[in-house]
Amino acid sequence: MLDYMIYILAFAVGSILGLVYSYKQHGEPFVAVTEFNMVMAVVSIFGWCLAFCSGNVILSAIGFLLGGFVMGERPGYGRKETAVGLIFAIGLFVLLKLTV
């Protein structure tokens, strides 16, 4: 039960940090950025893979923190990168479970 509380807390902290980072990066009230951010995609892939596939409480919490960081950016930012990270991590999870 305590594991889930750590995961939720790490995800919430990551979301807040992502929102603060995003507002520092873009101070304008509304910006429509449609380009794919490769750095955030790598952070998302790494974070969600750690969260789903590590099997360790600390590494999973770090993964949820990184996943929340990308997911918690300003509205309209990070949605494509989060989707790519989740698809990659779920695919890796399924491959790992099929091989065991």
N, C-alpha and C. Protein backbone atom coordinates (compact mmCIF):
# COMPACT_ATOMS: atom_id res chain seq x y z
N MET A 1 0.82 -1.19 0.00
CA MET A 1 0.00 0.00 0.00
C MET A 1 0.87 1.26 0.00
N LEU A 2 1.97 1.20 0.72
CA LEU A 2 2.87 2.35 0.78
C LEU A 2 3.54 2.59 -0.58
N ASP A 3 3.74 1.51 -1.34
CA ASP A 3 4.35 1.67 -2.66
C ASP A 3 3.50 2.57 -3.55
N TYR A 4 2.20 2.35 -3.53
CA TYR A 4 1.31 3.15 -4.37
C TYR A 4 1.30 4.61 -3.95
N MET A 5 1.41 4.86 -2.67
CA MET A 5 1.46 6.24 -2.18
C MET A 5 2.74 6.93 -2.67
N ILE A 6 3.83 6.21 -2.68
CA ILE A 6 5.09 6.77 -3.19
C ILE A 6 4.96 7.07 -4.68
N TYR A 7 4.33 6.16 -5.43
CA TYR A 7 4.16 6.38 -6.87
C TYR A 7 3.28 7.61 -7.14
N ILE A 8 2.18 7.73 -6.40
CA ILE A 8 1.27 8.87 -6.59
C ILE A 8 1.98 10.17 -6.23
N LEU A 9 2.71 10.16 -5.13
CA LEU A 9 3.43 11.36 -4.71
C LEU A 9 4.51 11.74 -5.73
N ALA A 10 5.25 10.76 -6.24
CA ALA A 10 6.28 11.04 -7.24
C ALA A 10 5.66 11.58 -8.52
N PHE A 11 4.53 11.02 -8.95
CA PHE A 11 3.86 11.50 -10.15
C PHE A 11 3.36 12.93 -9.96
N ALA A 12 2.80 13.24 -8.79
CA ALA A 12 2.30 14.59 -8.52
C ALA A 12 3.44 15.60 -8.49
N VAL A 13 4.55 15.25 -7.87
CA VAL A 13 5.71 16.15 -7.83
C VAL A 13 6.26 16.35 -9.25
N GLY A 14 6.33 15.29 -10.04
CA GLY A 14 6.79 15.40 -11.41
C GLY A 14 5.87 16.28 -12.25
N SER A 15 4.56 16.18 -12.05
CA SER A 15 3.62 17.02 -12.78
C SER A 15 3.79 18.48 -12.43
N ILE A 16 4.00 18.77 -11.16
CA ILE A 16 4.21 20.16 -10.73
C ILE A 16 5.51 20.70 -11.30
N LEU A 17 6.56 19.91 -11.24
CA LEU A 17 7.84 20.34 -11.80
C LEU A 17 7.75 20.56 -13.31
N GLY A 18 7.02 19.70 -14.00
CA GLY A 18 6.84 19.86 -15.44
C GLY A 18 6.06 21.12 -15.77
N LEU A 19 5.06 21.44 -14.97
CA LEU A 19 4.28 22.66 -15.20
C LEU A 19 5.13 23.90 -14.96
N VAL A 20 5.91 23.89 -13.89
CA VAL A 20 6.78 25.03 -13.60
C VAL A 20 7.83 25.19 -14.71
N TYR A 21 8.43 24.09 -15.13
CA TYR A 21 9.42 24.14 -16.21
C TYR A 21 8.81 24.67 -17.50
N SER A 22 7.62 24.21 -17.82
CA SER A 22 6.97 24.63 -19.05
C SER A 22 6.62 26.11 -19.04
N TYR A 23 6.17 26.62 -17.90
CA TYR A 23 5.84 28.04 -17.83
C TYR A 23 7.10 28.91 -17.84
N LYS A 24 8.21 28.40 -17.32
CA LYS A 24 9.47 29.16 -17.41
C LYS A 24 9.99 29.17 -18.84
N GLN A 25 9.76 28.09 -19.56
CA GLN A 25 10.22 28.00 -20.93
C GLN A 25 9.37 28.87 -21.86
N HIS A 26 8.06 28.88 -21.65
CA HIS A 26 7.13 29.66 -22.47
C HIS A 26 6.33 30.57 -21.55
N GLY A 27 6.69 31.84 -21.47
CA GLY A 27 6.01 32.78 -20.61
C GLY A 27 4.78 33.41 -21.23
N GLU A 28 4.56 33.16 -22.52
CA GLU A 28 3.42 33.74 -23.20
C GLU A 28 2.12 33.11 -22.70
N PRO A 29 1.00 33.86 -22.78
CA PRO A 29 -0.25 33.28 -22.30
C PRO A 29 -0.75 32.09 -23.13
N PHE A 30 -0.52 32.14 -24.44
CA PHE A 30 -0.95 31.03 -25.28
C PHE A 30 0.04 30.86 -26.41
N VAL A 31 0.58 29.68 -26.53
CA VAL A 31 1.52 29.37 -27.60
C VAL A 31 1.09 28.03 -28.19
N ALA A 32 0.96 27.98 -29.48
CA ALA A 32 0.59 26.74 -30.15
C ALA A 32 1.83 26.15 -30.80
N VAL A 33 2.45 25.23 -30.13
CA VAL A 33 3.63 24.55 -30.66
C VAL A 33 3.20 23.18 -31.14
N THR A 34 3.40 22.92 -32.40
CA THR A 34 2.98 21.64 -32.96
C THR A 34 4.16 20.71 -33.24
N GLU A 35 5.38 21.17 -32.99
CA GLU A 35 6.54 20.33 -33.28
C GLU A 35 6.74 19.29 -32.18
N PHE A 36 7.37 18.20 -32.57
CA PHE A 36 7.64 17.09 -31.66
C PHE A 36 8.94 17.35 -30.93
N ASN A 37 8.91 17.37 -29.60
CA ASN A 37 10.09 17.64 -28.78
C ASN A 37 10.80 16.31 -28.50
N MET A 38 11.92 16.09 -29.15
CA MET A 38 12.63 14.82 -29.06
C MET A 38 13.21 14.58 -27.66
N VAL A 39 13.70 15.63 -27.01
CA VAL A 39 14.28 15.47 -25.67
C VAL A 39 13.21 15.01 -24.68
N MET A 40 12.04 15.62 -24.73
CA MET A 40 10.95 15.22 -23.84
C MET A 40 10.43 13.83 -24.18
N ALA A 41 10.50 13.44 -25.44
CA ALA A 41 10.11 12.08 -25.83
C ALA A 41 11.05 11.05 -25.22
N VAL A 42 12.34 11.34 -25.22
CA VAL A 42 13.31 10.42 -24.61
C VAL A 42 13.09 10.34 -23.10
N VAL A 43 12.84 11.48 -22.47
CA VAL A 43 12.55 11.49 -21.02
C VAL A 43 11.29 10.68 -20.74
N SER A 44 10.27 10.84 -21.58
CA SER A 44 9.02 10.10 -21.40
C SER A 44 9.22 8.60 -21.58
N ILE A 45 9.93 8.21 -22.61
CA ILE A 45 10.18 6.78 -22.85
C ILE A 45 10.97 6.19 -21.69
N PHE A 46 12.02 6.87 -21.27
CA PHE A 46 12.84 6.38 -20.17
C PHE A 46 12.02 6.30 -18.87
N GLY A 47 11.22 7.33 -18.60
CA GLY A 47 10.43 7.35 -17.38
C GLY A 47 9.37 6.28 -17.33
N TRP A 48 8.59 6.15 -18.40
CA TRP A 48 7.53 5.15 -18.38
C TRP A 48 8.09 3.73 -18.41
N CYS A 49 9.21 3.51 -19.08
CA CYS A 49 9.83 2.18 -19.05
C CYS A 49 10.31 1.84 -17.65
N LEU A 50 10.89 2.81 -16.96
CA LEU A 50 11.28 2.58 -15.57
C LEU A 50 10.06 2.31 -14.70
N ALA A 51 9.00 3.07 -14.91
CA ALA A 51 7.82 2.93 -14.07
C ALA A 51 7.16 1.56 -14.22
N PHE A 52 7.09 1.06 -15.44
CA PHE A 52 6.36 -0.19 -15.69
C PHE A 52 7.24 -1.43 -15.62
N CYS A 53 8.51 -1.32 -15.95
CA CYS A 53 9.32 -2.52 -16.16
C CYS A 53 10.44 -2.72 -15.15
N SER A 54 10.64 -1.82 -14.20
CA SER A 54 11.82 -1.95 -13.34
C SER A 54 11.63 -3.00 -12.25
N GLY A 55 10.46 -3.07 -11.63
CA GLY A 55 10.25 -4.02 -10.55
C GLY A 55 10.84 -3.58 -9.23
N ASN A 56 11.33 -2.37 -9.15
CA ASN A 56 11.94 -1.82 -7.95
C ASN A 56 11.15 -0.58 -7.56
N VAL A 57 10.88 -0.41 -6.26
CA VAL A 57 10.06 0.72 -5.81
C VAL A 57 10.72 2.06 -6.12
N ILE A 58 12.00 2.18 -5.85
CA ILE A 58 12.70 3.45 -6.06
C ILE A 58 12.79 3.79 -7.55
N LEU A 59 13.17 2.81 -8.37
CA LEU A 59 13.26 3.07 -9.80
C LEU A 59 11.89 3.35 -10.42
N SER A 60 10.86 2.66 -9.95
CA SER A 60 9.51 2.94 -10.44
C SER A 60 9.06 4.34 -10.05
N ALA A 61 9.40 4.76 -8.84
CA ALA A 61 9.04 6.12 -8.41
C ALA A 61 9.76 7.17 -9.25
N ILE A 62 11.02 6.92 -9.59
CA ILE A 62 11.76 7.84 -10.46
C ILE A 62 11.11 7.85 -11.85
N GLY A 63 10.66 6.71 -12.31
CA GLY A 63 9.98 6.63 -13.60
C GLY A 63 8.68 7.40 -13.60
N PHE A 64 7.89 7.29 -12.53
CA PHE A 64 6.65 8.05 -12.45
C PHE A 64 6.93 9.55 -12.33
N LEU A 65 8.01 9.91 -11.67
CA LEU A 65 8.40 11.32 -11.59
C LEU A 65 8.72 11.86 -12.99
N LEU A 66 9.50 11.11 -13.77
CA LEU A 66 9.85 11.54 -15.12
C LEU A 66 8.64 11.54 -16.05
N GLY A 67 7.79 10.52 -15.93
CA GLY A 67 6.58 10.48 -16.74
C GLY A 67 5.63 11.62 -16.40
N GLY A 68 5.51 11.92 -15.12
CA GLY A 68 4.68 13.04 -14.70
C GLY A 68 5.25 14.37 -15.13
N PHE A 69 6.56 14.46 -15.20
CA PHE A 69 7.21 15.70 -15.65
C PHE A 69 6.78 16.04 -17.08
N VAL A 70 6.81 15.06 -17.95
CA VAL A 70 6.43 15.31 -19.35
C VAL A 70 4.92 15.48 -19.46
N MET A 71 4.17 14.68 -18.75
CA MET A 71 2.72 14.74 -18.84
C MET A 71 2.16 16.01 -18.20
N GLY A 72 2.87 16.58 -17.25
CA GLY A 72 2.37 17.73 -16.51
C GLY A 72 2.69 19.08 -17.11
N GLU A 73 3.22 19.12 -18.31
CA GLU A 73 3.52 20.40 -18.93
C GLU A 73 2.23 21.16 -19.21
N ARG A 74 2.38 22.40 -19.67
CA ARG A 74 1.22 23.22 -19.98
C ARG A 74 0.26 22.49 -20.89
N PRO A 75 -1.03 22.86 -20.84
CA PRO A 75 -2.00 22.20 -21.72
C PRO A 75 -1.59 22.33 -23.19
N GLY A 76 -1.58 21.22 -23.87
CA GLY A 76 -1.18 21.19 -25.27
C GLY A 76 0.25 20.79 -25.50
N TYR A 77 1.04 20.76 -24.45
CA TYR A 77 2.46 20.37 -24.56
C TYR A 77 2.64 18.98 -23.97
N GLY A 78 3.49 18.20 -24.55
CA GLY A 78 3.85 16.91 -23.99
C GLY A 78 2.88 15.79 -24.28
N ARG A 79 1.80 16.06 -24.97
CA ARG A 79 0.81 14.99 -25.19
C ARG A 79 1.33 13.96 -26.18
N LYS A 80 1.99 14.40 -27.24
CA LYS A 80 2.54 13.46 -28.23
C LYS A 80 3.69 12.67 -27.63
N GLU A 81 4.53 13.37 -26.88
CA GLU A 81 5.68 12.71 -26.26
C GLU A 81 5.24 11.68 -25.22
N THR A 82 4.20 12.01 -24.45
CA THR A 82 3.67 11.07 -23.47
C THR A 82 3.08 9.85 -24.15
N ALA A 83 2.36 10.06 -25.24
CA ALA A 83 1.77 8.94 -25.97
C ALA A 83 2.85 8.01 -26.51
N VAL A 84 3.91 8.57 -27.07
CA VAL A 84 5.01 7.75 -27.59
C VAL A 84 5.67 6.98 -26.45
N GLY A 85 5.90 7.65 -25.33
CA GLY A 85 6.52 6.99 -24.18
C GLY A 85 5.67 5.86 -23.63
N LEU A 86 4.37 6.09 -23.51
CA LEU A 86 3.47 5.05 -23.00
C LEU A 86 3.37 3.86 -23.96
N ILE A 87 3.28 4.14 -25.25
CA ILE A 87 3.20 3.04 -26.23
C ILE A 87 4.48 2.21 -26.20
N PHE A 88 5.61 2.86 -26.14
CA PHE A 88 6.88 2.14 -26.09
C PHE A 88 6.99 1.32 -24.80
N ALA A 89 6.63 1.91 -23.66
CA ALA A 89 6.75 1.21 -22.37
C ALA A 89 5.78 0.04 -22.27
N ILE A 90 4.55 0.22 -22.76
CA ILE A 90 3.58 -0.87 -22.72
C ILE A 90 4.02 -2.00 -23.64
N GLY A 91 4.55 -1.66 -24.81
CA GLY A 91 5.07 -2.69 -25.71
C GLY A 91 6.23 -3.45 -25.08
N LEU A 92 7.13 -2.75 -24.43
CA LEU A 92 8.25 -3.40 -23.75
C LEU A 92 7.76 -4.29 -22.61
N PHE A 93 6.77 -3.81 -21.87
CA PHE A 93 6.20 -4.59 -20.77
C PHE A 93 5.58 -5.89 -21.29
N VAL A 94 4.83 -5.79 -22.37
CA VAL A 94 4.21 -6.98 -22.95
C VAL A 94 5.27 -7.95 -23.47
N LEU A 95 6.31 -7.44 -24.12
CA LEU A 95 7.38 -8.32 -24.59
C LEU A 95 8.10 -9.01 -23.44
N LEU A 96 8.33 -8.27 -22.36
CA LEU A 96 9.00 -8.88 -21.20
C LEU A 96 8.12 -9.94 -20.55
N LYS A 97 6.82 -9.72 -20.49
CA LYS A 97 5.92 -10.69 -19.88
C LYS A 97 5.72 -11.92 -20.76
N LEU A 98 5.80 -11.74 -22.07
CA LEU A 98 5.65 -12.89 -22.97
C LEU A 98 6.87 -13.79 -22.95
N THR A 99 8.03 -13.22 -22.71
CA THR A 99 9.26 -14.02 -22.71
C THR A 99 9.49 -14.76 -21.41
N VAL A 100 8.82 -14.35 -20.35
CA VAL A 100 9.03 -14.99 -19.04
C VAL A 100 8.15 -16.18 -18.87
